[in-house]
Amino acid sequence: MADGLDLLAEAVIAMTEANGAPRLLSPAHTDEAAGIKLKGDWSSNPGLDSTLAARLLVTSATDHLQSLAAVLRMPGGGGIFGTYTVARGALETSARAWDLLGPGLPIRERVRRHMNERLHSLNEARALLSGIDGTHAQQDDQEEKILRSAKQHSFEVHRARKYKAAYLDTPRPRVGSLADVCLQAYTGEKQFGHMVYRLLSAHAHGVSYGLLQLLGPPEDLQQATRPGVVAQQVRHSSIEVATRLLVPLVVYTAMMQRFLVHYGWRDARYEVALQRALRVWLDVALASETDGRDAAGGADRPDQ
């Protein structure tokens, strides 16, 4: 499984280095030309900026895949909890890029989504510096430039209030919602993306219900009845990892499909690496069903 992730990430990196710029007449190239019409205090070419922002997210998502592969290889189960925390980052960045790279989006809508991401980022930067006097001036200035230019181009401006970021027209979508829409578009599955994202977020934030999902039955039933004693095994088989983390991989795959279309790229090495990674993860994830059928038929279950 880890080898498949590494091969996939390496193929994406090699493809990006070999191609560099978007192909002529690709959506990214067209957006760059059309984006000049929306120039203002927020940017000289917001169309180009939106494409570069999506590419940055693609790079981050790919980096998370490589990190996930490294955690999966940790000896002695050392990466049990970290596996799910790293997977959360892969899902988040993939979902955000998937949203920015929507095929057929008018340049105006693509710029709006990008500016909402910028506004959210500025608001988060303010929160990071909260309590430090005189440190919000840069964020406030950048936000004002975005909102002023948005009005000039007839976007509906909603200013920041309390801890919520400013936004244009409609709010920035949540990652769980994006994961649901992405999975529904590519697999027909509904709501599973949101559920998996909440589970991964619980791991990243150290929430008990998320961490307890990995705990199996007590090692010693007598110990389990003693007050104040928790004696349970941590479950971390390849089947469980493949099943729980299939959603981030599918969202990454869907995002990369949009990325390739947006940039007008084709790459045989990437396609081969993608098919191999997906095949391995699906085979392992579905092994639990095969094992269950074998057990029902009296056959010995293979060692997990």
C-alpha atoms as a PDB file:
ATOM      1  CA  MET A   1       0.000   0.000   0.000  1.00  0.00           C
ATOM      2  CA  ALA A   2       2.777   2.420   0.909  1.00  0.00           C
ATOM      3  CA  ASP A   3       4.656   1.540  -2.275  1.00  0.00           C
ATOM      4  CA  GLY A   4       1.580   2.395  -4.318  1.00  0.00           C
ATOM      5  CA  LEU A   5       1.283   5.817  -2.680  1.00  0.00           C
ATOM      6  CA  ASP A   6       4.960   6.544  -3.271  1.00  0.00           C
ATOM      7  CA  LEU A   7       4.789   5.549  -6.927  1.00  0.00           C
ATOM      8  CA  LEU A   8       1.700   7.711  -7.400  1.00  0.00           C
ATOM      9  CA  ALA A   9       3.273  10.745  -5.733  1.00  0.00           C
ATOM     10  CA  GLU A  10       6.533  10.303  -7.642  1.00  0.00           C
ATOM     11  CA  ALA A  11       4.626  10.119 -10.928  1.00  0.00           C
ATOM     12  CA  VAL A  12       2.763  13.365 -10.121  1.00  0.00           C
ATOM     13  CA  ILE A  13       6.008  15.149  -9.218  1.00  0.00           C
ATOM     14  CA  ALA A  14       7.755  13.933 -12.378  1.00  0.00           C
ATOM     15  CA  MET A  15       4.772  14.946 -14.522  1.00  0.00           C
ATOM     16  CA  THR A  16       4.691  18.426 -13.015  1.00  0.00           C
ATOM     17  CA  GLU A  17       8.418  18.953 -13.489  1.00  0.00           C
ATOM     18  CA  ALA A  18       8.303  17.692 -17.083  1.00  0.00           C
ATOM     19  CA  ASN A  19       5.346  19.841 -18.156  1.00  0.00           C
ATOM     20  CA  GLY A  20       5.726  23.011 -16.126  1.00  0.00           C
ATOM     21  CA  ALA A  21       3.257  25.455 -17.648  1.00  0.00           C
ATOM     22  CA  PRO A  22      -0.327  24.737 -18.777  1.00  0.00           C
ATOM     23  CA  ARG A  23      -0.788  23.564 -22.346  1.00  0.00           C
ATOM     24  CA  LEU A  24      -1.856  26.096 -24.943  1.00  0.00           C
ATOM     25  CA  LEU A  25      -5.667  26.584 -24.962  1.00  0.00           C
ATOM     26  CA  SER A  26      -6.101  24.502 -21.814  1.00  0.00           C
ATOM     27  CA  PRO A  27      -8.605  25.861 -19.251  1.00  0.00           C
ATOM     28  CA  ALA A  28      -5.710  27.108 -17.107  1.00  0.00           C
ATOM     29  CA  HIS A  29      -4.199  28.940 -20.069  1.00  0.00           C
ATOM     30  CA  THR A  30      -7.582  30.419 -20.991  1.00  0.00           C
ATOM     31  CA  ASP A  31      -8.243  31.514 -17.400  1.00  0.00           C
ATOM     32  CA  GLU A  32      -4.898  33.291 -17.304  1.00  0.00           C
ATOM     33  CA  ALA A  33      -5.839  35.321 -20.371  1.00  0.00           C
ATOM     34  CA  ALA A  34      -9.378  36.040 -19.178  1.00  0.00           C
ATOM     35  CA  GLY A  35      -8.292  36.868 -15.629  1.00  0.00           C
ATOM     36  CA  ILE A  36      -6.787  40.179 -16.705  1.00  0.00           C
ATOM     37  CA  LYS A  37     -10.326  41.512 -17.194  1.00  0.00           C
ATOM     38  CA  LEU A  38     -10.907  41.084 -13.448  1.00  0.00           C
ATOM     39  CA  LYS A  39      -7.763  42.881 -12.346  1.00  0.00           C
ATOM     40  CA  GLY A  40      -7.926  45.344  -9.482  1.00  0.00           C
ATOM     41  CA  ASP A  41      -6.384  46.083  -6.119  1.00  0.00           C
ATOM     42  CA  TRP A  42      -6.684  42.405  -5.250  1.00  0.00           C
ATOM     43  CA  SER A  43      -4.412  41.271  -8.133  1.00  0.00           C
ATOM     44  CA  SER A  44      -3.189  42.182 -11.597  1.00  0.00           C
ATOM     45  CA  ASN A  45      -4.428  38.785 -12.815  1.00  0.00           C
ATOM     46  CA  PRO A  46      -6.705  36.935 -10.373  1.00  0.00           C
ATOM     47  CA  GLY A  47      -7.310  34.207 -12.973  1.00  0.00           C
ATOM     48  CA  LEU A  48      -3.633  33.260 -12.889  1.00  0.00           C
ATOM     49  CA  ASP A  49      -3.641  33.492  -9.095  1.00  0.00           C
ATOM     50  CA  SER A  50      -6.522  31.024  -8.809  1.00  0.00           C
ATOM     51  CA  THR A  51      -4.669  28.489 -10.957  1.00  0.00           C
ATOM     52  CA  LEU A  52      -1.473  28.871  -8.928  1.00  0.00           C
ATOM     53  CA  ALA A  53      -3.429  28.504  -5.669  1.00  0.00           C
ATOM     54  CA  ALA A  54      -4.926  25.228  -6.886  1.00  0.00           C
ATOM     55  CA  ARG A  55      -1.496  23.999  -7.923  1.00  0.00           C
ATOM     56  CA  LEU A  56      -0.142  24.758  -4.460  1.00  0.00           C
ATOM     57  CA  LEU A  57      -2.919  22.641  -2.950  1.00  0.00           C
ATOM     58  CA  VAL A  58      -2.109  19.812  -5.381  1.00  0.00           C
ATOM     59  CA  THR A  59       1.515  19.942  -4.244  1.00  0.00           C
ATOM     60  CA  SER A  60       0.446  19.826  -0.601  1.00  0.00           C
ATOM     61  CA  ALA A  61      -1.916  16.892  -1.186  1.00  0.00           C
ATOM     62  CA  THR A  62       0.813  14.951  -2.987  1.00  0.00           C
ATOM     63  CA  ASP A  63       3.248  15.687  -0.160  1.00  0.00           C
ATOM     64  CA  HIS A  64       0.699  14.305   2.306  1.00  0.00           C
ATOM     65  CA  LEU A  65       0.452  11.085   0.266  1.00  0.00           C
ATOM     66  CA  GLN A  66       4.207  10.607   0.544  1.00  0.00           C
ATOM     67  CA  SER A  67       4.049  11.344   4.261  1.00  0.00           C
ATOM     68  CA  LEU A  68       1.243   8.826   4.662  1.00  0.00           C
ATOM     69  CA  ALA A  69       3.376   6.197   2.943  1.00  0.00           C
ATOM     70  CA  ALA A  70       6.223   6.929   5.363  1.00  0.00           C
ATOM     71  CA  VAL A  71       3.935   6.597   8.397  1.00  0.00           C
ATOM     72  CA  LEU A  72       2.518   3.313   7.099  1.00  0.00           C
ATOM     73  CA  ARG A  73       6.065   1.921   6.954  1.00  0.00           C
ATOM     74  CA  MET A  74       6.919   2.784  10.558  1.00  0.00           C
ATOM     75  CA  PRO A  75       8.061  -0.391  12.382  1.00  0.00           C
ATOM     76  CA  GLY A  76       6.187  -1.901  15.282  1.00  0.00           C
ATOM     77  CA  GLY A  77       2.928  -0.093  14.565  1.00  0.00           C
ATOM     78  CA  GLY A  78       4.501   3.243  15.516  1.00  0.00           C
ATOM     79  CA  GLY A  79       2.316   5.135  13.067  1.00  0.00           C
ATOM     80  CA  ILE A  80      -1.066   3.832  14.197  1.00  0.00           C
ATOM     81  CA  PHE A  81      -2.675   7.115  15.214  1.00  0.00           C
ATOM     82  CA  GLY A  82      -0.492   9.319  13.011  1.00  0.00           C
ATOM     83  CA  THR A  83      -1.737   7.464   9.935  1.00  0.00           C
ATOM     84  CA  TYR A  84      -5.187   8.990  10.256  1.00  0.00           C
ATOM     85  CA  THR A  85      -3.910  12.447  11.162  1.00  0.00           C
ATOM     86  CA  VAL A  86      -1.781  12.637   8.004  1.00  0.00           C
ATOM     87  CA  ALA A  87      -4.656  11.267   5.918  1.00  0.00           C
ATOM     88  CA  ARG A  88      -6.806  14.167   7.106  1.00  0.00           C
ATOM     89  CA  GLY A  89      -4.350  16.625   5.553  1.00  0.00           C
ATOM     90  CA  ALA A  90      -4.444  14.734   2.262  1.00  0.00           C
ATOM     91  CA  LEU A  91      -8.242  14.815   2.234  1.00  0.00           C
ATOM     92  CA  GLU A  92      -8.456  18.518   3.110  1.00  0.00           C
ATOM     93  CA  THR A  93      -6.018  19.777   0.507  1.00  0.00           C
ATOM     94  CA  SER A  94      -7.409  17.463  -2.174  1.00  0.00           C
ATOM     95  CA  ALA A  95     -10.987  18.604  -1.527  1.00  0.00           C
ATOM     96  CA  ARG A  96     -10.021  22.289  -1.622  1.00  0.00           C
ATOM     97  CA  ALA A  97      -8.136  21.847  -4.888  1.00  0.00           C
ATOM     98  CA  TRP A  98     -11.021  19.820  -6.320  1.00  0.00           C
ATOM     99  CA  ASP A  99     -13.337  22.760  -5.649  1.00  0.00           C
ATOM    100  CA  LEU A 100     -11.027  25.347  -7.253  1.00  0.00           C
ATOM    101  CA  LEU A 101     -10.443  23.151 -10.313  1.00  0.00           C
ATOM    102  CA  GLY A 102     -14.092  22.636 -11.207  1.00  0.00           C
ATOM    103  CA  PRO A 103     -14.320  21.952 -14.958  1.00  0.00           C
ATOM    104  CA  GLY A 104     -16.172  24.468 -17.082  1.00  0.00           C
ATOM    105  CA  LEU A 105     -16.273  27.139 -14.393  1.00  0.00           C
ATOM    106  CA  PRO A 106     -16.559  30.700 -15.733  1.00  0.00           C
ATOM    107  CA  ILE A 107     -13.492  32.730 -14.841  1.00  0.00           C
ATOM    108  CA  ARG A 108     -15.602  34.915 -12.585  1.00  0.00           C
ATOM    109  CA  GLU A 109     -16.706  31.934 -10.470  1.00  0.00           C
ATOM    110  CA  ARG A 110     -13.206  30.489 -10.277  1.00  0.00           C
ATOM    111  CA  VAL A 111     -11.865  33.841  -9.079  1.00  0.00           C
ATOM    112  CA  ARG A 112     -14.681  34.120  -6.528  1.00  0.00           C
ATOM    113  CA  ARG A 113     -13.805  30.745  -5.028  1.00  0.00           C
ATOM    114  CA  HIS A 114     -10.140  31.667  -4.895  1.00  0.00           C
ATOM    115  CA  MET A 115     -10.851  35.008  -3.229  1.00  0.00           C
ATOM    116  CA  ASN A 116     -13.021  33.308  -0.625  1.00  0.00           C
ATOM    117  CA  GLU A 117     -10.040  31.081   0.156  1.00  0.00           C
ATOM    118  CA  ARG A 118      -7.846  34.170   0.514  1.00  0.00           C
ATOM    119  CA  LEU A 119     -10.362  35.864   2.789  1.00  0.00           C
ATOM    120  CA  HIS A 120     -10.553  32.761   4.947  1.00  0.00           C
ATOM    121  CA  SER A 121      -6.753  32.617   5.112  1.00  0.00           C
ATOM    122  CA  LEU A 122      -6.518  36.269   6.181  1.00  0.00           C
ATOM    123  CA  ASN A 123      -9.084  35.657   8.900  1.00  0.00           C
ATOM    124  CA  GLU A 124      -7.132  32.651  10.172  1.00  0.00           C
ATOM    125  CA  ALA A 125      -3.946  34.730  10.198  1.00  0.00           C
ATOM    126  CA  ARG A 126      -5.697  37.312  12.368  1.00  0.00           C
ATOM    127  CA  ALA A 127      -6.783  34.592  14.774  1.00  0.00           C
ATOM    128  CA  LEU A 128      -3.213  33.291  14.915  1.00  0.00           C
ATOM    129  CA  LEU A 129      -1.968  36.734  15.942  1.00  0.00           C
ATOM    130  CA  SER A 130      -4.855  37.449  18.288  1.00  0.00           C
ATOM    131  CA  GLY A 131      -3.801  39.375  21.399  1.00  0.00           C
ATOM    132  CA  ILE A 132      -0.668  40.857  19.830  1.00  0.00           C
ATOM    133  CA  ASP A 133      -1.126  44.611  19.388  1.00  0.00           C
ATOM    134  CA  GLY A 134      -0.685  46.154  15.947  1.00  0.00           C
ATOM    135  CA  THR A 135      -0.253  42.852  14.081  1.00  0.00           C
ATOM    136  CA  HIS A 136      -3.516  42.803  12.108  1.00  0.00           C
ATOM    137  CA  ALA A 137      -2.813  45.818   9.904  1.00  0.00           C
ATOM    138  CA  GLN A 138      -1.448  43.776   6.985  1.00  0.00           C
ATOM    139  CA  GLN A 139      -4.344  41.311   7.031  1.00  0.00           C
ATOM    140  CA  ASP A 140      -6.901  44.116   7.327  1.00  0.00           C
ATOM    141  CA  ASP A 141      -5.315  45.976   4.413  1.00  0.00           C
ATOM    142  CA  GLN A 142      -5.274  42.890   2.172  1.00  0.00           C
ATOM    143  CA  GLU A 143      -8.869  42.074   3.059  1.00  0.00           C
ATOM    144  CA  GLU A 144      -9.980  45.610   2.259  1.00  0.00           C
ATOM    145  CA  LYS A 145      -8.306  45.441  -1.158  1.00  0.00           C
ATOM    146  CA  ILE A 146     -10.125  42.197  -1.944  1.00  0.00           C
ATOM    147  CA  LEU A 147     -13.507  43.532  -0.846  1.00  0.00           C
ATOM    148  CA  ARG A 148     -13.023  46.834  -2.658  1.00  0.00           C
ATOM    149  CA  SER A 149     -12.107  45.112  -5.931  1.00  0.00           C
ATOM    150  CA  ALA A 150     -14.968  42.640  -5.477  1.00  0.00           C
ATOM    151  CA  LYS A 151     -17.453  45.526  -5.315  1.00  0.00           C
ATOM    152  CA  GLN A 152     -15.930  47.043  -8.444  1.00  0.00           C
ATOM    153  CA  HIS A 153     -16.642  43.771 -10.272  1.00  0.00           C
ATOM    154  CA  SER A 154     -20.180  43.531  -8.830  1.00  0.00           C
ATOM    155  CA  PHE A 155     -19.645  40.675  -6.386  1.00  0.00           C
ATOM    156  CA  GLU A 156     -21.873  40.634  -3.319  1.00  0.00           C
ATOM    157  CA  VAL A 157     -19.619  41.401  -0.352  1.00  0.00           C
ATOM    158  CA  HIS A 158     -20.199  39.944   3.112  1.00  0.00           C
ATOM    159  CA  ARG A 159     -17.823  41.380   5.699  1.00  0.00           C
ATOM    160  CA  ALA A 160     -16.213  39.424   8.523  1.00  0.00           C
ATOM    161  CA  ARG A 161     -18.139  39.169  11.776  1.00  0.00           C
ATOM    162  CA  LYS A 162     -16.977  37.784  15.086  1.00  0.00           C
ATOM    163  CA  TYR A 163     -14.747  34.825  14.197  1.00  0.00           C
ATOM    164  CA  LYS A 164     -16.187  34.216  10.732  1.00  0.00           C
ATOM    165  CA  ALA A 165     -14.327  35.290   7.611  1.00  0.00           C
ATOM    166  CA  ALA A 166     -15.624  37.685   4.992  1.00  0.00           C
ATOM    167  CA  TYR A 167     -16.808  36.118   1.737  1.00  0.00           C
ATOM    168  CA  LEU A 168     -18.089  36.931  -1.739  1.00  0.00           C
ATOM    169  CA  ASP A 169     -21.600  35.889  -2.825  1.00  0.00           C
ATOM    170  CA  THR A 170     -21.771  32.573  -0.914  1.00  0.00           C
ATOM    171  CA  PRO A 171     -19.641  31.159   1.949  1.00  0.00           C
ATOM    172  CA  ARG A 172     -16.618  28.958   1.443  1.00  0.00           C
ATOM    173  CA  PRO A 173     -17.785  25.291   1.514  1.00  0.00           C
ATOM    174  CA  ARG A 174     -16.723  22.932   4.294  1.00  0.00           C
ATOM    175  CA  VAL A 175     -14.347  20.066   3.569  1.00  0.00           C
ATOM    176  CA  GLY A 176     -16.886  17.446   4.653  1.00  0.00           C
ATOM    177  CA  SER A 177     -19.440  18.834   2.203  1.00  0.00           C
ATOM    178  CA  LEU A 178     -16.861  18.910  -0.589  1.00  0.00           C
ATOM    179  CA  ALA A 179     -15.894  15.300   0.140  1.00  0.00           C
ATOM    180  CA  ASP A 180     -19.552  14.263  -0.066  1.00  0.00           C
ATOM    181  CA  VAL A 181     -20.096  16.045  -3.382  1.00  0.00           C
ATOM    182  CA  CYS A 182     -16.853  14.653  -4.779  1.00  0.00           C
ATOM    183  CA  LEU A 183     -17.651  11.059  -3.799  1.00  0.00           C
ATOM    184  CA  GLN A 184     -21.197  11.332  -5.075  1.00  0.00           C
ATOM    185  CA  ALA A 185     -19.957  12.640  -8.428  1.00  0.00           C
ATOM    186  CA  TYR A 186     -17.363   9.900  -8.880  1.00  0.00           C
ATOM    187  CA  THR A 187     -18.750   6.900  -7.005  1.00  0.00           C
ATOM    188  CA  GLY A 188     -22.429   7.625  -6.315  1.00  0.00           C
ATOM    189  CA  GLU A 189     -21.794   7.357  -2.549  1.00  0.00           C
ATOM    190  CA  LYS A 190     -23.614   9.905  -0.360  1.00  0.00           C
ATOM    191  CA  GLN A 191     -22.518  11.323   3.028  1.00  0.00           C
ATOM    192  CA  PHE A 192     -19.688   8.845   3.530  1.00  0.00           C
ATOM    193  CA  GLY A 193     -17.082  11.520   2.778  1.00  0.00           C
ATOM    194  CA  HIS A 194     -18.368  13.773   5.541  1.00  0.00           C
ATOM    195  CA  MET A 195     -18.394  10.901   8.021  1.00  0.00           C
ATOM    196  CA  VAL A 196     -14.816   9.878   7.230  1.00  0.00           C
ATOM    197  CA  TYR A 197     -13.622  13.476   7.459  1.00  0.00           C
ATOM    198  CA  ARG A 198     -15.173  13.852  10.910  1.00  0.00           C
ATOM    199  CA  LEU A 199     -13.422  10.661  12.017  1.00  0.00           C
ATOM    200  CA  LEU A 200     -10.057  11.843  10.680  1.00  0.00           C
ATOM    201  CA  SER A 201     -10.549  15.242  12.303  1.00  0.00           C
ATOM    202  CA  ALA A 202     -11.251  13.532  15.618  1.00  0.00           C
ATOM    203  CA  HIS A 203      -7.906  11.725  15.344  1.00  0.00           C
ATOM    204  CA  ALA A 204      -6.069  14.941  14.481  1.00  0.00           C
ATOM    205  CA  HIS A 205      -7.677  16.820  17.366  1.00  0.00           C
ATOM    206  CA  GLY A 206      -7.242  14.051  19.911  1.00  0.00           C
ATOM    207  CA  VAL A 207     -10.980  13.560  20.424  1.00  0.00           C
ATOM    208  CA  SER A 208     -11.766  10.413  22.382  1.00  0.00           C
ATOM    209  CA  TYR A 209     -14.488   9.035  20.102  1.00  0.00           C
ATOM    210  CA  GLY A 210     -12.059   9.082  17.181  1.00  0.00           C
ATOM    211  CA  LEU A 211      -9.190   7.469  19.040  1.00  0.00           C
ATOM    212  CA  LEU A 212     -11.457   4.826  20.550  1.00  0.00           C
ATOM    213  CA  GLN A 213     -12.456   3.676  17.063  1.00  0.00           C
ATOM    214  CA  LEU A 214      -9.117   1.868  16.908  1.00  0.00           C
ATOM    215  CA  LEU A 215      -9.579  -0.003  20.156  1.00  0.00           C
ATOM    216  CA  GLY A 216     -10.658  -3.615  19.994  1.00  0.00           C
ATOM    217  CA  PRO A 217     -11.953  -5.915  22.758  1.00  0.00           C
ATOM    218  CA  PRO A 218     -10.087  -6.066  26.090  1.00  0.00           C
ATOM    219  CA  GLU A 219      -7.069  -8.342  26.290  1.00  0.00           C
ATOM    220  CA  ASP A 220      -8.294  -9.622  29.629  1.00  0.00           C
ATOM    221  CA  LEU A 221     -12.009  -9.581  30.385  1.00  0.00           C
ATOM    222  CA  GLN A 222     -11.288  -9.600  34.137  1.00  0.00           C
ATOM    223  CA  GLN A 223      -9.117  -6.490  33.807  1.00  0.00           C
ATOM    224  CA  ALA A 224     -11.869  -4.734  31.897  1.00  0.00           C
ATOM    225  CA  THR A 225     -14.201  -5.046  34.889  1.00  0.00           C
ATOM    226  CA  ARG A 226     -11.784  -3.390  37.319  1.00  0.00           C
ATOM    227  CA  PRO A 227     -12.621   0.271  38.103  1.00  0.00           C
ATOM    228  CA  GLY A 228     -10.320   2.770  36.407  1.00  0.00           C
ATOM    229  CA  VAL A 229      -8.532   0.198  34.253  1.00  0.00           C
ATOM    230  CA  VAL A 230      -8.582   0.239  30.458  1.00  0.00           C
ATOM    231  CA  ALA A 231      -6.983  -2.808  28.867  1.00  0.00           C
ATOM    232  CA  GLN A 232      -7.809  -2.965  25.192  1.00  0.00           C
ATOM    233  CA  GLN A 233      -5.862  -3.883  22.101  1.00  0.00           C
ATOM    234  CA  VAL A 234      -5.242  -1.369  19.339  1.00  0.00           C
ATOM    235  CA  ARG A 235      -6.561  -2.653  16.020  1.00  0.00           C
ATOM    236  CA  HIS A 236      -4.475  -1.594  13.039  1.00  0.00           C
ATOM    237  CA  SER A 237      -4.610  -4.157  10.251  1.00  0.00           C
ATOM    238  CA  SER A 238      -3.982  -3.352   6.603  1.00  0.00           C
ATOM    239  CA  ILE A 239      -7.651  -4.079   5.884  1.00  0.00           C
ATOM    240  CA  GLU A 240      -8.847  -1.472   8.368  1.00  0.00           C
ATOM    241  CA  VAL A 241      -6.374   1.135   7.108  1.00  0.00           C
ATOM    242  CA  ALA A 242      -7.337   0.546   3.481  1.00  0.00           C
ATOM    243  CA  THR A 243     -11.056   0.728   4.300  1.00  0.00           C
ATOM    244  CA  ARG A 244     -10.888   3.857   6.455  1.00  0.00           C
ATOM    245  CA  LEU A 245      -8.496   5.750   4.200  1.00  0.00           C
ATOM    246  CA  LEU A 246      -9.961   4.856   0.827  1.00  0.00           C
ATOM    247  CA  VAL A 247     -11.962   8.107   0.849  1.00  0.00           C
ATOM    248  CA  PRO A 248      -8.902  10.421   0.915  1.00  0.00           C
ATOM    249  CA  LEU A 249      -7.340   8.418  -1.915  1.00  0.00           C
ATOM    250  CA  VAL A 250     -10.508   8.594  -4.031  1.00  0.00           C
ATOM    251  CA  VAL A 251     -10.859  12.348  -3.439  1.00  0.00           C
ATOM    252  CA  TYR A 252      -7.196  12.823  -4.381  1.00  0.00           C
ATOM    253  CA  THR A 253      -7.769  10.789  -7.541  1.00  0.00           C
ATOM    254  CA  ALA A 254     -10.838  12.835  -8.477  1.00  0.00           C
ATOM    255  CA  MET A 255      -8.963  16.052  -7.816  1.00  0.00           C
ATOM    256  CA  MET A 256      -6.027  14.980  -9.983  1.00  0.00           C
ATOM    257  CA  GLN A 257      -8.426  14.166 -12.817  1.00  0.00           C
ATOM    258  CA  ARG A 258      -9.625  17.769 -12.699  1.00  0.00           C
ATOM    259  CA  PHE A 259      -6.065  19.059 -12.403  1.00  0.00           C
ATOM    260  CA  LEU A 260      -4.940  17.224 -15.542  1.00  0.00           C
ATOM    261  CA  VAL A 261      -7.929  18.514 -17.505  1.00  0.00           C
ATOM    262  CA  HIS A 262      -7.366  22.061 -16.236  1.00  0.00           C
ATOM    263  CA  TYR A 263      -3.715  22.047 -17.275  1.00  0.00           C
ATOM    264  CA  GLY A 264      -4.262  20.043 -20.456  1.00  0.00           C
ATOM    265  CA  TRP A 265      -1.723  17.385 -19.472  1.00  0.00           C
ATOM    266  CA  ARG A 266      -1.581  13.660 -20.217  1.00  0.00           C
ATOM    267  CA  ASP A 267       0.914  11.304 -18.654  1.00  0.00           C
ATOM    268  CA  ALA A 268       1.101   7.523 -19.101  1.00  0.00           C
ATOM    269  CA  ARG A 269       3.346   6.990 -16.072  1.00  0.00           C
ATOM    270  CA  TYR A 270       0.837   8.720 -13.830  1.00  0.00           C
ATOM    271  CA  GLU A 271      -2.057   6.639 -15.192  1.00  0.00           C
ATOM    272  CA  VAL A 272      -0.180   3.390 -14.555  1.00  0.00           C
ATOM    273  CA  ALA A 273       0.786   4.455 -11.025  1.00  0.00           C
ATOM    274  CA  LEU A 274      -2.779   5.540 -10.274  1.00  0.00           C
ATOM    275  CA  GLN A 275      -4.312   2.255 -11.409  1.00  0.00           C
ATOM    276  CA  ARG A 276      -1.794   0.283  -9.377  1.00  0.00           C
ATOM    277  CA  ALA A 277      -2.393   2.297  -6.194  1.00  0.00           C
ATOM    278  CA  LEU A 278      -6.171   2.081  -6.477  1.00  0.00           C
ATOM    279  CA  ARG A 279      -6.080  -1.638  -7.299  1.00  0.00           C
ATOM    280  CA  VAL A 280      -3.938  -2.450  -4.270  1.00  0.00           C
ATOM    281  CA  TRP A 281      -6.046  -0.401  -1.856  1.00  0.00           C
ATOM    282  CA  LEU A 282      -9.317  -1.809  -3.197  1.00  0.00           C
ATOM    283  CA  ASP A 283      -8.018  -5.385  -3.056  1.00  0.00           C
ATOM    284  CA  VAL A 284      -6.943  -4.976   0.559  1.00  0.00           C
ATOM    285  CA  ALA A 285     -10.123  -3.147   1.595  1.00  0.00           C
ATOM    286  CA  LEU A 286     -12.326  -5.806   0.013  1.00  0.00           C
ATOM    287  CA  ALA A 287     -10.329  -8.620   1.606  1.00  0.00           C
ATOM    288  CA  SER A 288     -12.515  -8.357   4.715  1.00  0.00           C
ATOM    289  CA  GLU A 289     -15.575  -9.364   2.668  1.00  0.00           C
ATOM    290  CA  THR A 290     -13.707 -12.279   1.118  1.00  0.00           C
ATOM    291  CA  ASP A 291     -12.473 -13.407   4.516  1.00  0.00           C
ATOM    292  CA  GLY A 292     -15.992 -13.274   5.889  1.00  0.00           C
ATOM    293  CA  ARG A 293     -17.335 -15.454   3.080  1.00  0.00           C
ATOM    294  CA  ASP A 294     -14.475 -17.929   3.527  1.00  0.00           C
ATOM    295  CA  ALA A 295     -15.172 -18.156   7.246  1.00  0.00           C
ATOM    296  CA  ALA A 296     -18.849 -18.787   6.633  1.00  0.00           C
ATOM    297  CA  GLY A 297     -17.918 -21.601   4.272  1.00  0.00           C
ATOM    298  CA  GLY A 298     -15.567 -23.205   6.765  1.00  0.00           C
ATOM    299  CA  ALA A 299     -12.339 -22.175   5.046  1.00  0.00           C
ATOM    300  CA  ASP A 300      -9.393 -20.915   7.063  1.00  0.00           C
ATOM    301  CA  ARG A 301      -9.070 -17.131   7.132  1.00  0.00           C
ATOM    302  CA  PRO A 302      -5.732 -15.806   5.862  1.00  0.00           C
ATOM    303  CA  ASP A 303      -3.483 -14.030   8.321  1.00  0.00           C
ATOM    304  CA  GLN A 304      -4.175 -10.282   8.272  1.00  0.00           C
END
